[in-house]
Amino acid sequence: MPGTKKTLRSRPVSTASGLVSLLYHLVHAASQGQLDPELVRDVGRIIYNEMELLQSASKPSQVDMDLLREAASRFDETVLRARSSLLIDARSRILDPSSSEVHLASH
């Protein structure tokens, strides 16, 4: 939100299961091309900060930590794949500008 000030919290508000669920929702939307990869990456930074706060303040169970690590790993892979795809598309447009006209016409 524009103009919203960040506040420092000493305790997390989010739960481990909520963060896992959010990461998987982002993975799904990003892999379907429904969200901009840069936006997903930026939201991921906020989620990772919340995960650190959760880990330091409430010591989640080993099961929760394993689930968080797995979700974070899939999230990182998806963001990397989506951002790589953007770079490959940009490179292709630079090397062969006529292909972008064909690509745009097909959408």
PDB file of N, CA and C in Angstrom:
ATOM      1  N   MET A   1       0.840  -1.173   0.000  1.00  0.00           N
ATOM      2  CA  MET A   1       0.000   0.000   0.000  1.00  0.00           C
ATOM      3  C   MET A   1       0.884   1.234   0.000  1.00  0.00           C
ATOM      4  N   PRO A   2       0.667   2.127  -0.940  1.00  0.00           N
ATOM      5  CA  PRO A   2       1.471   3.343  -0.961  1.00  0.00           C
ATOM      6  C   PRO A   2       1.238   4.161   0.300  1.00  0.00           C
ATOM      7  N   GLY A   3       2.311   4.666   0.830  1.00  0.00           N
ATOM      8  CA  GLY A   3       2.223   5.515   2.003  1.00  0.00           C
ATOM      9  C   GLY A   3       2.110   4.772   3.317  1.00  0.00           C
ATOM     10  N   THR A   4       2.007   3.467   3.277  1.00  0.00           N
ATOM     11  CA  THR A   4       1.918   2.694   4.503  1.00  0.00           C
ATOM     12  C   THR A   4       3.303   2.515   5.085  1.00  0.00           C
ATOM     13  N   LYS A   5       3.449   2.836   6.358  1.00  0.00           N
ATOM     14  CA  LYS A   5       4.743   2.678   7.015  1.00  0.00           C
ATOM     15  C   LYS A   5       4.881   1.264   7.540  1.00  0.00           C
ATOM     16  N   LYS A   6       6.080   0.716   7.388  1.00  0.00           N
ATOM     17  CA  LYS A   6       6.353  -0.599   7.957  1.00  0.00           C
ATOM     18  C   LYS A   6       6.555  -0.443   9.456  1.00  0.00           C
ATOM     19  N   THR A   7       6.042  -1.382  10.185  1.00  0.00           N
ATOM     20  CA  THR A   7       6.263  -1.372  11.622  1.00  0.00           C
ATOM     21  C   THR A   7       7.041  -2.618  11.996  1.00  0.00           C
ATOM     22  N   LEU A   8       7.913  -2.479  12.942  1.00  0.00           N
ATOM     23  CA  LEU A   8       8.681  -3.617  13.423  1.00  0.00           C
ATOM     24  C   LEU A   8       7.859  -4.346  14.479  1.00  0.00           C
ATOM     25  N   ARG A   9       7.820  -5.646  14.340  1.00  0.00           N
ATOM     26  CA  ARG A   9       7.092  -6.457  15.304  1.00  0.00           C
ATOM     27  C   ARG A   9       8.073  -7.385  15.978  1.00  0.00           C
ATOM     28  N   SER A  10       7.814  -7.672  17.216  1.00  0.00           N
ATOM     29  CA  SER A  10       8.689  -8.602  17.914  1.00  0.00           C
ATOM     30  C   SER A  10       8.136 -10.026  17.860  1.00  0.00           C
ATOM     31  N   ARG A  11       6.865 -10.147  17.545  1.00  0.00           N
ATOM     32  CA  ARG A  11       6.248 -11.466  17.467  1.00  0.00           C
ATOM     33  C   ARG A  11       5.562 -11.620  16.121  1.00  0.00           C
ATOM     34  N   PRO A  12       5.646 -12.813  15.524  1.00  0.00           N
ATOM     35  CA  PRO A  12       4.993 -13.032  14.243  1.00  0.00           C
ATOM     36  C   PRO A  12       3.479 -13.110  14.414  1.00  0.00           C
ATOM     37  N   VAL A  13       2.784 -12.689  13.405  1.00  0.00           N
ATOM     38  CA  VAL A  13       1.335 -12.797  13.397  1.00  0.00           C
ATOM     39  C   VAL A  13       0.930 -14.039  12.599  1.00  0.00           C
ATOM     40  N   SER A  14       1.759 -14.374  11.623  1.00  0.00           N
ATOM     41  CA  SER A  14       1.469 -15.501  10.740  1.00  0.00           C
ATOM     42  C   SER A  14       1.845 -16.826  11.390  1.00  0.00           C
ATOM     43  N   THR A  15       1.162 -17.878  10.936  1.00  0.00           N
ATOM     44  CA  THR A  15       1.505 -19.225  11.384  1.00  0.00           C
ATOM     45  C   THR A  15       2.332 -19.911  10.311  1.00  0.00           C
ATOM     46  N   ALA A  16       3.006 -20.973  10.689  1.00  0.00           N
ATOM     47  CA  ALA A  16       3.803 -21.736   9.725  1.00  0.00           C
ATOM     48  C   ALA A  16       2.908 -22.278   8.617  1.00  0.00           C
ATOM     49  N   SER A  17       1.758 -22.825   8.971  1.00  0.00           N
ATOM     50  CA  SER A  17       0.865 -23.387   7.952  1.00  0.00           C
ATOM     51  C   SER A  17       0.318 -22.295   7.029  1.00  0.00           C
ATOM     52  N   GLY A  18       0.094 -21.112   7.563  1.00  0.00           N
ATOM     53  CA  GLY A  18      -0.364 -20.000   6.735  1.00  0.00           C
ATOM     54  C   GLY A  18       0.694 -19.573   5.732  1.00  0.00           C
ATOM     55  N   LEU A  19       1.954 -19.528   6.167  1.00  0.00           N
ATOM     56  CA  LEU A  19       3.048 -19.159   5.270  1.00  0.00           C
ATOM     57  C   LEU A  19       3.272 -20.224   4.205  1.00  0.00           C
ATOM     58  N   VAL A  20       3.185 -21.488   4.592  1.00  0.00           N
ATOM     59  CA  VAL A  20       3.323 -22.584   3.626  1.00  0.00           C
ATOM     60  C   VAL A  20       2.224 -22.463   2.570  1.00  0.00           C
ATOM     61  N   SER A  21       1.011 -22.253   3.006  1.00  0.00           N
ATOM     62  CA  SER A  21      -0.120 -22.122   2.094  1.00  0.00           C
ATOM     63  C   SER A  21       0.074 -20.936   1.145  1.00  0.00           C
ATOM     64  N   LEU A  22       0.511 -19.828   1.671  1.00  0.00           N
ATOM     65  CA  LEU A  22       0.739 -18.639   0.851  1.00  0.00           C
ATOM     66  C   LEU A  22       1.830 -18.880  -0.185  1.00  0.00           C
ATOM     67  N   LEU A  23       2.915 -19.518   0.232  1.00  0.00           N
ATOM     68  CA  LEU A  23       3.990 -19.830  -0.715  1.00  0.00           C
ATOM     69  C   LEU A  23       3.481 -20.713  -1.855  1.00  0.00           C
ATOM     70  N   TYR A  24       2.697 -21.726  -1.528  1.00  0.00           N
ATOM     71  CA  TYR A  24       2.180 -22.610  -2.574  1.00  0.00           C
ATOM     72  C   TYR A  24       1.169 -21.897  -3.484  1.00  0.00           C
ATOM     73  N   HIS A  25       0.389 -20.999  -2.939  1.00  0.00           N
ATOM     74  CA  HIS A  25      -0.522 -20.218  -3.788  1.00  0.00           C
ATOM     75  C   HIS A  25       0.275 -19.367  -4.776  1.00  0.00           C
ATOM     76  N   LEU A  26       1.336 -18.754  -4.286  1.00  0.00           N
ATOM     77  CA  LEU A  26       2.191 -17.941  -5.164  1.00  0.00           C
ATOM     78  C   LEU A  26       2.878 -18.805  -6.211  1.00  0.00           C
ATOM     79  N   VAL A  27       3.341 -19.979  -5.810  1.00  0.00           N
ATOM     80  CA  VAL A  27       3.983 -20.905  -6.754  1.00  0.00           C
ATOM     81  C   VAL A  27       2.997 -21.244  -7.871  1.00  0.00           C
ATOM     82  N   HIS A  28       1.775 -21.567  -7.500  1.00  0.00           N
ATOM     83  CA  HIS A  28       0.779 -21.935  -8.503  1.00  0.00           C
ATOM     84  C   HIS A  28       0.499 -20.761  -9.447  1.00  0.00           C
ATOM     85  N   ALA A  29       0.230 -19.596  -8.898  1.00  0.00           N
ATOM     86  CA  ALA A  29      -0.106 -18.436  -9.734  1.00  0.00           C
ATOM     87  C   ALA A  29       1.064 -18.037 -10.627  1.00  0.00           C
ATOM     88  N   ALA A  30       2.275 -18.085 -10.098  1.00  0.00           N
ATOM     89  CA  ALA A  30       3.455 -17.723 -10.900  1.00  0.00           C
ATOM     90  C   ALA A  30       3.695 -18.745 -12.002  1.00  0.00           C
ATOM     91  N   SER A  31       3.530 -20.018 -11.686  1.00  0.00           N
ATOM     92  CA  SER A  31       3.773 -21.052 -12.695  1.00  0.00           C
ATOM     93  C   SER A  31       2.719 -21.026 -13.800  1.00  0.00           C
ATOM     94  N   GLN A  32       1.549 -20.485 -13.506  1.00  0.00           N
ATOM     95  CA  GLN A  32       0.493 -20.352 -14.505  1.00  0.00           C
ATOM     96  C   GLN A  32       0.586 -19.037 -15.278  1.00  0.00           C
ATOM     97  N   GLY A  33       1.573 -18.210 -14.923  1.00  0.00           N
ATOM     98  CA  GLY A  33       1.743 -16.925 -15.595  1.00  0.00           C
ATOM     99  C   GLY A  33       0.724 -15.885 -15.183  1.00  0.00           C
ATOM    100  N   GLN A  34       0.092 -16.080 -14.027  1.00  0.00           N
ATOM    101  CA  GLN A  34      -0.948 -15.165 -13.567  1.00  0.00           C
ATOM    102  C   GLN A  34      -0.387 -13.984 -12.782  1.00  0.00           C
ATOM    103  N   LEU A  35       0.847 -14.091 -12.336  1.00  0.00           N
ATOM    104  CA  LEU A  35       1.473 -13.010 -11.574  1.00  0.00           C
ATOM    105  C   LEU A  35       2.835 -12.678 -12.178  1.00  0.00           C
ATOM    106  N   ASP A  36       3.192 -11.416 -12.106  1.00  0.00           N
ATOM    107  CA  ASP A  36       4.493 -10.959 -12.563  1.00  0.00           C
ATOM    108  C   ASP A  36       5.581 -11.569 -11.681  1.00  0.00           C
ATOM    109  N   PRO A  37       6.596 -12.171 -12.281  1.00  0.00           N
ATOM    110  CA  PRO A  37       7.664 -12.798 -11.491  1.00  0.00           C
ATOM    111  C   PRO A  37       8.372 -11.834 -10.528  1.00  0.00           C
ATOM    112  N   GLU A  38       8.480 -10.572 -10.916  1.00  0.00           N
ATOM    113  CA  GLU A  38       9.123  -9.592 -10.035  1.00  0.00           C
ATOM    114  C   GLU A  38       8.253  -9.335  -8.808  1.00  0.00           C
ATOM    115  N   LEU A  39       6.953  -9.276  -8.998  1.00  0.00           N
ATOM    116  CA  LEU A  39       6.034  -9.107  -7.874  1.00  0.00           C
ATOM    117  C   LEU A  39       6.121 -10.299  -6.939  1.00  0.00           C
ATOM    118  N   VAL A  40       6.129 -11.484  -7.522  1.00  0.00           N
ATOM    119  CA  VAL A  40       6.203 -12.711  -6.714  1.00  0.00           C
ATOM    120  C   VAL A  40       7.496 -12.712  -5.899  1.00  0.00           C
ATOM    121  N   ARG A  41       8.607 -12.345  -6.538  1.00  0.00           N
ATOM    122  CA  ARG A  41       9.888 -12.291  -5.829  1.00  0.00           C
ATOM    123  C   ARG A  41       9.823 -11.308  -4.657  1.00  0.00           C
ATOM    124  N   ASP A  42       9.232 -10.125  -4.893  1.00  0.00           N
ATOM    125  CA  ASP A  42       9.140  -9.117  -3.839  1.00  0.00           C
ATOM    126  C   ASP A  42       8.242  -9.576  -2.686  1.00  0.00           C
ATOM    127  N   VAL A  43       7.138 -10.210  -3.008  1.00  0.00           N
ATOM    128  CA  VAL A  43       6.258 -10.747  -1.965  1.00  0.00           C
ATOM    129  C   VAL A  43       6.995 -11.844  -1.197  1.00  0.00           C
ATOM    130  N   GLY A  44       7.791 -12.625  -1.917  1.00  0.00           N
ATOM    131  CA  GLY A  44       8.589 -13.671  -1.271  1.00  0.00           C
ATOM    132  C   GLY A  44       9.536 -13.114  -0.220  1.00  0.00           C
ATOM    133  N   ARG A  45      10.116 -11.970  -0.502  1.00  0.00           N
ATOM    134  CA  ARG A  45      11.014 -11.342   0.490  1.00  0.00           C
ATOM    135  C   ARG A  45      10.264 -11.034   1.787  1.00  0.00           C
ATOM    136  N   ILE A  46       9.043 -10.550   1.651  1.00  0.00           N
ATOM    137  CA  ILE A  46       8.232 -10.250   2.838  1.00  0.00           C
ATOM    138  C   ILE A  46       7.911 -11.543   3.587  1.00  0.00           C
ATOM    139  N   ILE A  47       7.560 -12.574   2.840  1.00  0.00           N
ATOM    140  CA  ILE A  47       7.242 -13.866   3.463  1.00  0.00           C
ATOM    141  C   ILE A  47       8.470 -14.422   4.169  1.00  0.00           C
ATOM    142  N   TYR A  48       9.634 -14.331   3.542  1.00  0.00           N
ATOM    143  CA  TYR A  48      10.861 -14.837   4.172  1.00  0.00           C
ATOM    144  C   TYR A  48      11.181 -14.072   5.452  1.00  0.00           C
ATOM    145  N   ASN A  49      10.933 -12.771   5.470  1.00  0.00           N
ATOM    146  CA  ASN A  49      11.134 -11.997   6.705  1.00  0.00           C
ATOM    147  C   ASN A  49      10.193 -12.491   7.794  1.00  0.00           C
ATOM    148  N   GLU A  50       8.967 -12.774   7.407  1.00  0.00           N
ATOM    149  CA  GLU A  50       7.990 -13.298   8.377  1.00  0.00           C
ATOM    150  C   GLU A  50       8.413 -14.679   8.876  1.00  0.00           C
ATOM    151  N   MET A  51       8.966 -15.498   7.985  1.00  0.00           N
ATOM    152  CA  MET A  51       9.448 -16.824   8.394  1.00  0.00           C
ATOM    153  C   MET A  51      10.575 -16.701   9.417  1.00  0.00           C
ATOM    154  N   GLU A  52      11.487 -15.777   9.179  1.00  0.00           N
ATOM    155  CA  GLU A  52      12.589 -15.565  10.135  1.00  0.00           C
ATOM    156  C   GLU A  52      12.051 -15.121  11.485  1.00  0.00           C
ATOM    157  N   LEU A  53      11.086 -14.228  11.467  1.00  0.00           N
ATOM    158  CA  LEU A  53      10.484 -13.765  12.707  1.00  0.00           C
ATOM    159  C   LEU A  53       9.786 -14.908  13.431  1.00  0.00           C
ATOM    160  N   LEU A  54       9.083 -15.728  12.676  1.00  0.00           N
ATOM    161  CA  LEU A  54       8.398 -16.890  13.247  1.00  0.00           C
ATOM    162  C   LEU A  54       9.406 -17.848  13.880  1.00  0.00           C
ATOM    163  N   GLN A  55      10.488 -18.127  13.184  1.00  0.00           N
ATOM    164  CA  GLN A  55      11.503 -19.062  13.685  1.00  0.00           C
ATOM    165  C   GLN A  55      12.163 -18.548  14.950  1.00  0.00           C
ATOM    166  N   SER A  56      12.445 -17.270  15.007  1.00  0.00           N
ATOM    167  CA  SER A  56      13.152 -16.742  16.172  1.00  0.00           C
ATOM    168  C   SER A  56      12.228 -16.529  17.371  1.00  0.00           C
ATOM    169  N   ALA A  57      10.956 -16.266  17.112  1.00  0.00           N
ATOM    170  CA  ALA A  57      10.052 -15.935  18.216  1.00  0.00           C
ATOM    171  C   ALA A  57       9.303 -17.130  18.785  1.00  0.00           C
ATOM    172  N   SER A  58       8.945 -18.083  17.928  1.00  0.00           N
ATOM    173  CA  SER A  58       8.067 -19.128  18.450  1.00  0.00           C
ATOM    174  C   SER A  58       8.603 -20.548  18.297  1.00  0.00           C
ATOM    175  N   LYS A  59       9.747 -20.711  17.694  1.00  0.00           N
ATOM    176  CA  LYS A  59      10.352 -22.033  17.526  1.00  0.00           C
ATOM    177  C   LYS A  59       9.336 -23.059  17.023  1.00  0.00           C
ATOM    178  N   PRO A  60       8.992 -22.988  15.721  1.00  0.00           N
ATOM    179  CA  PRO A  60       8.032 -23.939  15.160  1.00  0.00           C
ATOM    180  C   PRO A  60       8.525 -25.379  15.298  1.00  0.00           C
ATOM    181  N   SER A  61       7.615 -26.306  15.212  1.00  0.00           N
ATOM    182  CA  SER A  61       7.972 -27.725  15.306  1.00  0.00           C
ATOM    183  C   SER A  61       8.834 -28.127  14.111  1.00  0.00           C
ATOM    184  N   GLN A  62       9.476 -29.270  14.233  1.00  0.00           N
ATOM    185  CA  GLN A  62      10.314 -29.774  13.143  1.00  0.00           C
ATOM    186  C   GLN A  62       9.476 -30.026  11.889  1.00  0.00           C
ATOM    187  N   VAL A  63       8.267 -30.522  12.072  1.00  0.00           N
ATOM    188  CA  VAL A  63       7.371 -30.773  10.940  1.00  0.00           C
ATOM    189  C   VAL A  63       7.057 -29.455  10.229  1.00  0.00           C
ATOM    190  N   ASP A  64       6.708 -28.422  11.003  1.00  0.00           N
ATOM    191  CA  ASP A  64       6.432 -27.112  10.406  1.00  0.00           C
ATOM    192  C   ASP A  64       7.653 -26.559   9.679  1.00  0.00           C
ATOM    193  N   MET A  65       8.824 -26.734  10.274  1.00  0.00           N
ATOM    194  CA  MET A  65      10.054 -26.245   9.639  1.00  0.00           C
ATOM    195  C   MET A  65      10.318 -26.992   8.333  1.00  0.00           C
ATOM    196  N   ASP A  66      10.097 -28.295   8.318  1.00  0.00           N
ATOM    197  CA  ASP A  66      10.290 -29.077   7.093  1.00  0.00           C
ATOM    198  C   ASP A  66       9.321 -28.626   6.002  1.00  0.00           C
ATOM    199  N   LEU A  67       8.069 -28.388   6.394  1.00  0.00           N
ATOM    200  CA  LEU A  67       7.075 -27.919   5.429  1.00  0.00           C
ATOM    201  C   LEU A  67       7.433 -26.533   4.893  1.00  0.00           C
ATOM    202  N   LEU A  68       7.911 -25.657   5.770  1.00  0.00           N
ATOM    203  CA  LEU A  68       8.335 -24.317   5.342  1.00  0.00           C
ATOM    204  C   LEU A  68       9.515 -24.392   4.386  1.00  0.00           C
ATOM    205  N   ARG A  69      10.479 -25.249   4.698  1.00  0.00           N
ATOM    206  CA  ARG A  69      11.654 -25.392   3.819  1.00  0.00           C
ATOM    207  C   ARG A  69      11.263 -25.930   2.447  1.00  0.00           C
ATOM    208  N   GLU A  70      10.388 -26.914   2.416  1.00  0.00           N
ATOM    209  CA  GLU A  70       9.939 -27.480   1.143  1.00  0.00           C
ATOM    210  C   GLU A  70       9.180 -26.442   0.317  1.00  0.00           C
ATOM    211  N   ALA A  71       8.276 -25.715   0.959  1.00  0.00           N
ATOM    212  CA  ALA A  71       7.520 -24.682   0.248  1.00  0.00           C
ATOM    213  C   ALA A  71       8.448 -23.576  -0.254  1.00  0.00           C
ATOM    214  N   ALA A  72       9.411 -23.184   0.566  1.00  0.00           N
ATOM    215  CA  ALA A  72      10.360 -22.140   0.164  1.00  0.00           C
ATOM    216  C   ALA A  72      11.220 -22.613  -1.004  1.00  0.00           C
ATOM    217  N   SER A  73      11.610 -23.873  -0.989  1.00  0.00           N
ATOM    218  CA  SER A  73      12.412 -24.421  -2.078  1.00  0.00           C
ATOM    219  C   SER A  73      11.628 -24.405  -3.393  1.00  0.00           C
ATOM    220  N   ARG A  74      10.390 -24.844  -3.350  1.00  0.00           N
ATOM    221  CA  ARG A  74       9.552 -24.816  -4.563  1.00  0.00           C
ATOM    222  C   ARG A  74       9.301 -23.389  -5.016  1.00  0.00           C
ATOM    223  N   PHE A  75       9.108 -22.497  -4.063  1.00  0.00           N
ATOM    224  CA  PHE A  75       8.910 -21.089  -4.382  1.00  0.00           C
ATOM    225  C   PHE A  75      10.135 -20.534  -5.110  1.00  0.00           C
ATOM    226  N   ASP A  76      11.315 -20.779  -4.550  1.00  0.00           N
ATOM    227  CA  ASP A  76      12.552 -20.285  -5.163  1.00  0.00           C
ATOM    228  C   ASP A  76      12.731 -20.840  -6.579  1.00  0.00           C
ATOM    229  N   GLU A  77      12.479 -22.132  -6.759  1.00  0.00           N
ATOM    230  CA  GLU A  77      12.596 -22.751  -8.085  1.00  0.00           C
ATOM    231  C   GLU A  77      11.630 -22.123  -9.081  1.00  0.00           C
ATOM    232  N   THR A  78      10.408 -21.884  -8.649  1.00  0.00           N
ATOM    233  CA  THR A  78       9.392 -21.315  -9.533  1.00  0.00           C
ATOM    234  C   THR A  78       9.739 -19.888  -9.916  1.00  0.00           C
ATOM    235  N   VAL A  79      10.174 -19.097  -8.950  1.00  0.00           N
ATOM    236  CA  VAL A  79      10.547 -17.712  -9.248  1.00  0.00           C
ATOM    237  C   VAL A  79      11.741 -17.684 -10.192  1.00  0.00           C
ATOM    238  N   LEU A  80      12.715 -18.522  -9.947  1.00  0.00           N
ATOM    239  CA  LEU A  80      13.884 -18.577 -10.827  1.00  0.00           C
ATOM    240  C   LEU A  80      13.474 -18.965 -12.245  1.00  0.00           C
ATOM    241  N   ARG A  81      12.622 -19.962 -12.370  1.00  0.00           N
ATOM    242  CA  ARG A  81      12.154 -20.409 -13.679  1.00  0.00           C
ATOM    243  C   ARG A  81      11.379 -19.298 -14.393  1.00  0.00           C
ATOM    244  N   ALA A  82      10.501 -18.619 -13.677  1.00  0.00           N
ATOM    245  CA  ALA A  82       9.687 -17.557 -14.279  1.00  0.00           C
ATOM    246  C   ALA A  82      10.551 -16.372 -14.703  1.00  0.00           C
ATOM    247  N   ARG A  83      11.492 -15.987 -13.857  1.00  0.00           N
ATOM    248  CA  ARG A  83      12.368 -14.865 -14.205  1.00  0.00           C
ATOM    249  C   ARG A  83      13.304 -15.242 -15.347  1.00  0.00           C
ATOM    250  N   SER A  84      13.754 -16.484 -15.381  1.00  0.00           N
ATOM    251  CA  SER A  84      14.610 -16.945 -16.482  1.00  0.00           C
ATOM    252  C   SER A  84      13.847 -16.903 -17.794  1.00  0.00           C
ATOM    253  N   SER A  85      12.597 -17.290 -17.751  1.00  0.00           N
ATOM    254  CA  SER A  85      11.763 -17.269 -18.944  1.00  0.00           C
ATOM    255  C   SER A  85      11.624 -15.840 -19.473  1.00  0.00           C
ATOM    256  N   LEU A  86      11.460 -14.878 -18.580  1.00  0.00           N
ATOM    257  CA  LEU A  86      11.387 -13.479 -19.005  1.00  0.00           C
ATOM    258  C   LEU A  86      12.671 -13.047 -19.698  1.00  0.00           C
ATOM    259  N   LEU A  87      13.805 -13.448 -19.136  1.00  0.00           N
ATOM    260  CA  LEU A  87      15.091 -13.085 -19.735  1.00  0.00           C
ATOM    261  C   LEU A  87      15.281 -13.741 -21.099  1.00  0.00           C
ATOM    262  N   ILE A  88      14.902 -14.984 -21.219  1.00  0.00           N
ATOM    263  CA  ILE A  88      15.026 -15.691 -22.497  1.00  0.00           C
ATOM    264  C   ILE A  88      14.128 -15.041 -23.545  1.00  0.00           C
ATOM    265  N   ASP A  89      12.898 -14.687 -23.158  1.00  0.00           N
ATOM    266  CA  ASP A  89      11.994 -14.017 -24.094  1.00  0.00           C
ATOM    267  C   ASP A  89      12.561 -12.671 -24.531  1.00  0.00           C
ATOM    268  N   ALA A  90      13.109 -11.918 -23.591  1.00  0.00           N
ATOM    269  CA  ALA A  90      13.689 -10.607 -23.928  1.00  0.00           C
ATOM    270  C   ALA A  90      14.873 -10.775 -24.867  1.00  0.00           C
ATOM    271  N   ARG A  91      15.705 -11.757 -24.594  1.00  0.00           N
ATOM    272  CA  ARG A  91      16.870 -12.009 -25.457  1.00  0.00           C
ATOM    273  C   ARG A  91      16.420 -12.394 -26.861  1.00  0.00           C
ATOM    274  N   SER A  92      15.410 -13.214 -26.949  1.00  0.00           N
ATOM    275  CA  SER A  92      14.892 -13.629 -28.249  1.00  0.00           C
ATOM    276  C   SER A  92      14.350 -12.438 -29.041  1.00  0.00           C
ATOM    277  N   ARG A  93      13.657 -11.534 -28.347  1.00  0.00           N
ATOM    278  CA  ARG A  93      13.120 -10.345 -29.026  1.00  0.00           C
ATOM    279  C   ARG A  93      14.237  -9.441 -29.528  1.00  0.00           C
ATOM    280  N   ILE A  94      15.317  -9.358 -28.780  1.00  0.00           N
ATOM    281  CA  ILE A  94      16.450  -8.525 -29.188  1.00  0.00           C
ATOM    282  C   ILE A  94      17.142  -9.140 -30.404  1.00  0.00           C
ATOM    283  N   LEU A  95      17.357 -10.443 -30.358  1.00  0.00           N
ATOM    284  CA  LEU A  95      18.070 -11.109 -31.448  1.00  0.00           C
ATOM    285  C   LEU A  95      17.231 -11.251 -32.708  1.00  0.00           C
ATOM    286  N   ASP A  96      15.918 -11.384 -32.563  1.00  0.00           N
ATOM    287  CA  ASP A  96      15.045 -11.549 -33.719  1.00  0.00           C
ATOM    288  C   ASP A  96      13.754 -10.753 -33.489  1.00  0.00           C
ATOM    289  N   PRO A  97      13.798  -9.432 -33.769  1.00  0.00           N
ATOM    290  CA  PRO A  97      12.626  -8.587 -33.513  1.00  0.00           C
ATOM    291  C   PRO A  97      11.373  -9.046 -34.257  1.00  0.00           C
ATOM    292  N   SER A  98      11.525  -9.686 -35.392  1.00  0.00           N
ATOM    293  CA  SER A  98      10.344 -10.131 -36.141  1.00  0.00           C
ATOM    294  C   SER A  98       9.585 -11.228 -35.406  1.00  0.00           C
ATOM    295  N   SER A  99      10.283 -12.006 -34.575  1.00  0.00           N
ATOM    296  CA  SER A  99       9.607 -13.076 -33.829  1.00  0.00           C
ATOM    297  C   SER A  99       8.660 -12.513 -32.782  1.00  0.00           C
ATOM    298  N   SER A 100       8.953 -11.315 -32.246  1.00  0.00           N
ATOM    299  CA  SER A 100       8.054 -10.734 -31.250  1.00  0.00           C
ATOM    300  C   SER A 100       6.760 -10.284 -31.900  1.00  0.00           C
ATOM    301  N   GLU A 101       6.821  -9.862 -33.179  1.00  0.00           N
ATOM    302  CA  GLU A 101       5.596  -9.482 -33.867  1.00  0.00           C
ATOM    303  C   GLU A 101       4.705 -10.692 -34.056  1.00  0.00           C
ATOM    304  N   VAL A 102       5.299 -11.815 -34.425  1.00  0.00           N
ATOM    305  CA  VAL A 102       4.553 -13.061 -34.585  1.00  0.00           C
ATOM    306  C   VAL A 102       4.018 -13.509 -33.238  1.00  0.00           C
ATOM    307  N   HIS A 103       4.857 -13.407 -32.192  1.00  0.00           N
ATOM    308  CA  HIS A 103       4.476 -13.815 -30.845  1.00  0.00           C
ATOM    309  C   HIS A 103       3.313 -12.969 -30.345  1.00  0.00           C
ATOM    310  N   LEU A 104       3.371 -11.651 -30.573  1.00  0.00           N
ATOM    311  CA  LEU A 104       2.297 -10.769 -30.100  1.00  0.00           C
ATOM    312  C   LEU A 104       1.010 -11.026 -30.884  1.00  0.00           C
ATOM    313  N   ALA A 105       1.130 -11.310 -32.169  1.00  0.00           N
ATOM    314  CA  ALA A 105      -0.057 -11.552 -32.982  1.00  0.00           C
ATOM    315  C   ALA A 105      -0.767 -12.840 -32.587  1.00  0.00           C
ATOM    316  N   SER A 106      -0.030 -13.785 -32.028  1.00  0.00           N
ATOM    317  CA  SER A 106      -0.639 -15.063 -31.650  1.00  0.00           C
ATOM    318  C   SER A 106      -1.393 -14.996 -30.331  1.00  0.00           C
ATOM    319  N   HIS A 107      -1.225 -13.904 -29.572  1.00  0.00           N
ATOM    320  CA  HIS A 107      -1.906 -13.798 -28.272  1.00  0.00           C
ATOM    321  C   HIS A 107      -3.206 -13.108 -28.377  1.00  0.00           C
TER     322      HIS A 107
END
